[in-house]
């Protein structure tokens, strides 16, 4: 623990010296537990080759979305064929079903990760229950 505190103090002093010298701060990267890869990066730079300093950062939305989705319960997903009963689908959405509408007659409910299909106005399991 002593080495950790000593290391943080040394790092802080080094950053303070960089800022005081007008150089900016060290480049940095954001990582998070359970997320593969960087979630963001930042640092300092000069604007357009001038001596004007700037600080910026970028967040990678795809990593943030994946981190949030990892814990999300998607529930039962209902596949809606091209010729589905729109009133029945609307009522099922109101009851909490998540629906995935077909865009072509070759769309496969299993490939679209659907647990159920709307068939003749009735919900039927696809055989891939979650």
Protein backbone atom coordinates (compact mmCIF):
# COMPACT_ATOMS: atom_id res chain seq x y z
CA UNK A 1 0.00 0.00 0.00
CA UNK A 2 2.89 2.33 0.75
CA UNK A 3 4.29 1.82 -2.74
CA UNK A 4 0.90 2.58 -4.27
CA UNK A 5 0.60 5.88 -2.40
CA UNK A 6 4.20 6.79 -3.17
CA UNK A 7 3.65 5.99 -6.85
CA UNK A 8 0.49 8.12 -7.00
CA UNK A 9 2.27 11.05 -5.33
CA UNK A 10 5.15 10.79 -7.82
CA UNK A 11 2.72 10.58 -10.74
CA UNK A 12 0.81 13.62 -9.46
CA UNK A 13 3.99 15.64 -9.09
CA UNK A 14 5.05 14.69 -12.61
CA UNK A 15 1.68 15.76 -14.05
CA UNK A 16 1.87 19.04 -12.09
CA UNK A 17 5.30 19.75 -13.57
CA UNK A 18 3.99 19.06 -17.10
CA UNK A 19 1.05 21.42 -16.62
CA UNK A 20 3.27 24.10 -15.02
CA UNK A 21 5.70 23.88 -17.95
CA UNK A 22 2.81 24.48 -20.37
CA UNK A 23 3.27 21.08 -21.99
CA UNK A 24 -0.15 19.78 -20.95
CA UNK A 25 -0.95 16.40 -19.46
CA UNK A 26 0.12 12.90 -20.39
CA UNK A 27 -2.02 10.98 -22.87
CA UNK A 28 -4.48 8.71 -21.10
CA UNK A 29 -6.77 5.79 -21.88
CA UNK A 30 -9.99 4.71 -20.16
CA UNK A 31 -10.44 1.03 -19.32
CA UNK A 32 -13.25 -0.65 -17.40
CA UNK A 33 -13.59 -3.98 -15.67
CA UNK A 34 -15.38 -6.53 -17.84
CA UNK A 35 -14.94 -4.51 -21.05
CA UNK A 36 -12.53 -5.65 -23.71
CA UNK A 37 -10.44 -2.83 -25.12
CA UNK A 38 -10.28 0.88 -24.44
CA UNK A 39 -13.45 2.85 -23.74
CA UNK A 40 -11.84 6.20 -24.46
CA UNK A 41 -8.63 8.17 -24.84
CA UNK A 42 -7.44 11.69 -24.25
CA UNK A 43 -4.50 14.01 -24.03
CA UNK A 44 -3.16 17.39 -25.05
CA UNK A 45 -2.08 18.75 -28.40
CA UNK A 46 -1.42 22.00 -30.26
CA UNK A 47 -4.16 23.45 -32.42
CA UNK A 48 -3.35 23.57 -36.13
CA UNK A 49 0.40 23.57 -35.64
CA UNK A 50 0.25 26.75 -33.54
CA UNK A 51 1.48 27.14 -30.00
CA UNK A 52 -2.08 27.23 -28.65
CA UNK A 53 -2.52 24.25 -26.31
CA UNK A 54 -5.71 22.21 -26.20
CA UNK A 55 -6.95 19.20 -24.28
CA UNK A 56 -9.40 16.68 -25.70
CA UNK A 57 -10.80 13.22 -25.31
CA UNK A 58 -12.80 10.65 -27.23
CA UNK A 59 -15.23 8.08 -25.91
CA UNK A 60 -15.92 4.97 -27.96
CA UNK A 61 -19.72 4.54 -27.91
CA UNK A 62 -19.64 0.96 -29.16
CA UNK A 63 -17.64 -0.08 -26.08
CA UNK A 64 -20.00 1.83 -23.77
CA UNK A 65 -23.05 0.23 -25.38
CA UNK A 66 -21.55 -3.25 -25.10
CA UNK A 67 -20.73 -2.63 -21.43
CA UNK A 68 -24.34 -1.64 -20.70
CA UNK A 69 -25.84 -4.43 -22.82
CA UNK A 70 -23.82 -7.10 -21.03
CA UNK A 71 -26.10 -6.90 -17.97
CA UNK A 72 -29.35 -6.11 -19.78
CA UNK A 73 -32.09 -8.74 -19.70
CA UNK A 74 -33.60 -8.70 -23.19
CA UNK A 75 -36.53 -10.91 -22.21
CA UNK A 76 -38.58 -12.78 -24.76
CA UNK A 77 -38.27 -11.55 -28.36
CA UNK A 78 -41.17 -12.03 -30.74
CA UNK A 79 -40.55 -12.46 -34.47
CA UNK A 80 -43.13 -10.79 -36.71
CA UNK A 81 -43.38 -12.32 -40.22
CA UNK A 82 -44.06 -10.05 -43.20
CA UNK A 83 -47.81 -10.79 -43.14
CA UNK A 84 -48.25 -10.51 -39.35
CA UNK A 85 -51.39 -9.19 -37.64
CA UNK A 86 -50.43 -5.60 -36.83
CA UNK A 87 -53.12 -5.14 -34.17
CA UNK A 88 -51.99 -8.30 -32.36
CA UNK A 89 -48.35 -7.18 -32.54
CA UNK A 90 -49.26 -3.77 -31.10
CA UNK A 91 -51.17 -5.38 -28.23
CA UNK A 92 -48.25 -7.71 -27.49
CA UNK A 93 -45.82 -4.78 -27.42
CA UNK A 94 -48.14 -3.06 -24.94
CA UNK A 95 -47.89 -6.24 -22.81
CA UNK A 96 -44.08 -5.95 -22.75
CA UNK A 97 -42.98 -8.14 -25.67
CA UNK A 98 -39.95 -7.00 -27.66
CA UNK A 99 -40.71 -7.44 -31.35
CA UNK A 100 -38.47 -7.97 -34.36
CA UNK A 101 -40.21 -7.45 -37.70
CA UNK A 102 -39.12 -9.38 -40.78
CA UNK A 103 -37.73 -7.31 -43.64
CA UNK A 104 -37.86 -10.16 -46.16
CA UNK A 105 -39.41 -13.61 -46.42
CA UNK A 106 -35.97 -15.16 -45.88
CA UNK A 107 -35.48 -13.67 -42.39
CA UNK A 108 -34.93 -16.40 -39.80
CA UNK A 109 -36.27 -15.94 -36.23
CA UNK A 110 -33.42 -18.05 -34.78
CA UNK A 111 -30.76 -15.94 -36.50
CA UNK A 112 -32.48 -12.81 -35.15
CA UNK A 113 -32.35 -14.32 -31.63
CA UNK A 114 -36.14 -14.52 -31.25
CA UNK A 115 -37.66 -16.89 -28.72
CA UNK A 116 -41.20 -16.73 -30.17
CA UNK A 117 -43.01 -16.10 -33.47
CA UNK A 118 -46.39 -14.51 -34.14
CA UNK A 119 -48.26 -17.11 -36.18
CA UNK A 120 -51.87 -16.47 -37.17
CA UNK A 121 -52.25 -13.85 -34.44
CA UNK A 122 -50.98 -16.27 -31.76
CA UNK A 123 -47.59 -16.45 -30.05
CA UNK A 124 -45.73 -19.71 -30.68
CA UNK A 125 -42.28 -20.71 -29.33
CA UNK A 126 -39.57 -20.94 -31.98
CA UNK A 127 -37.88 -23.81 -30.16
CA UNK A 128 -35.14 -21.48 -28.92
CA UNK A 129 -36.54 -20.41 -25.56
CA UNK A 130 -34.30 -18.36 -23.35
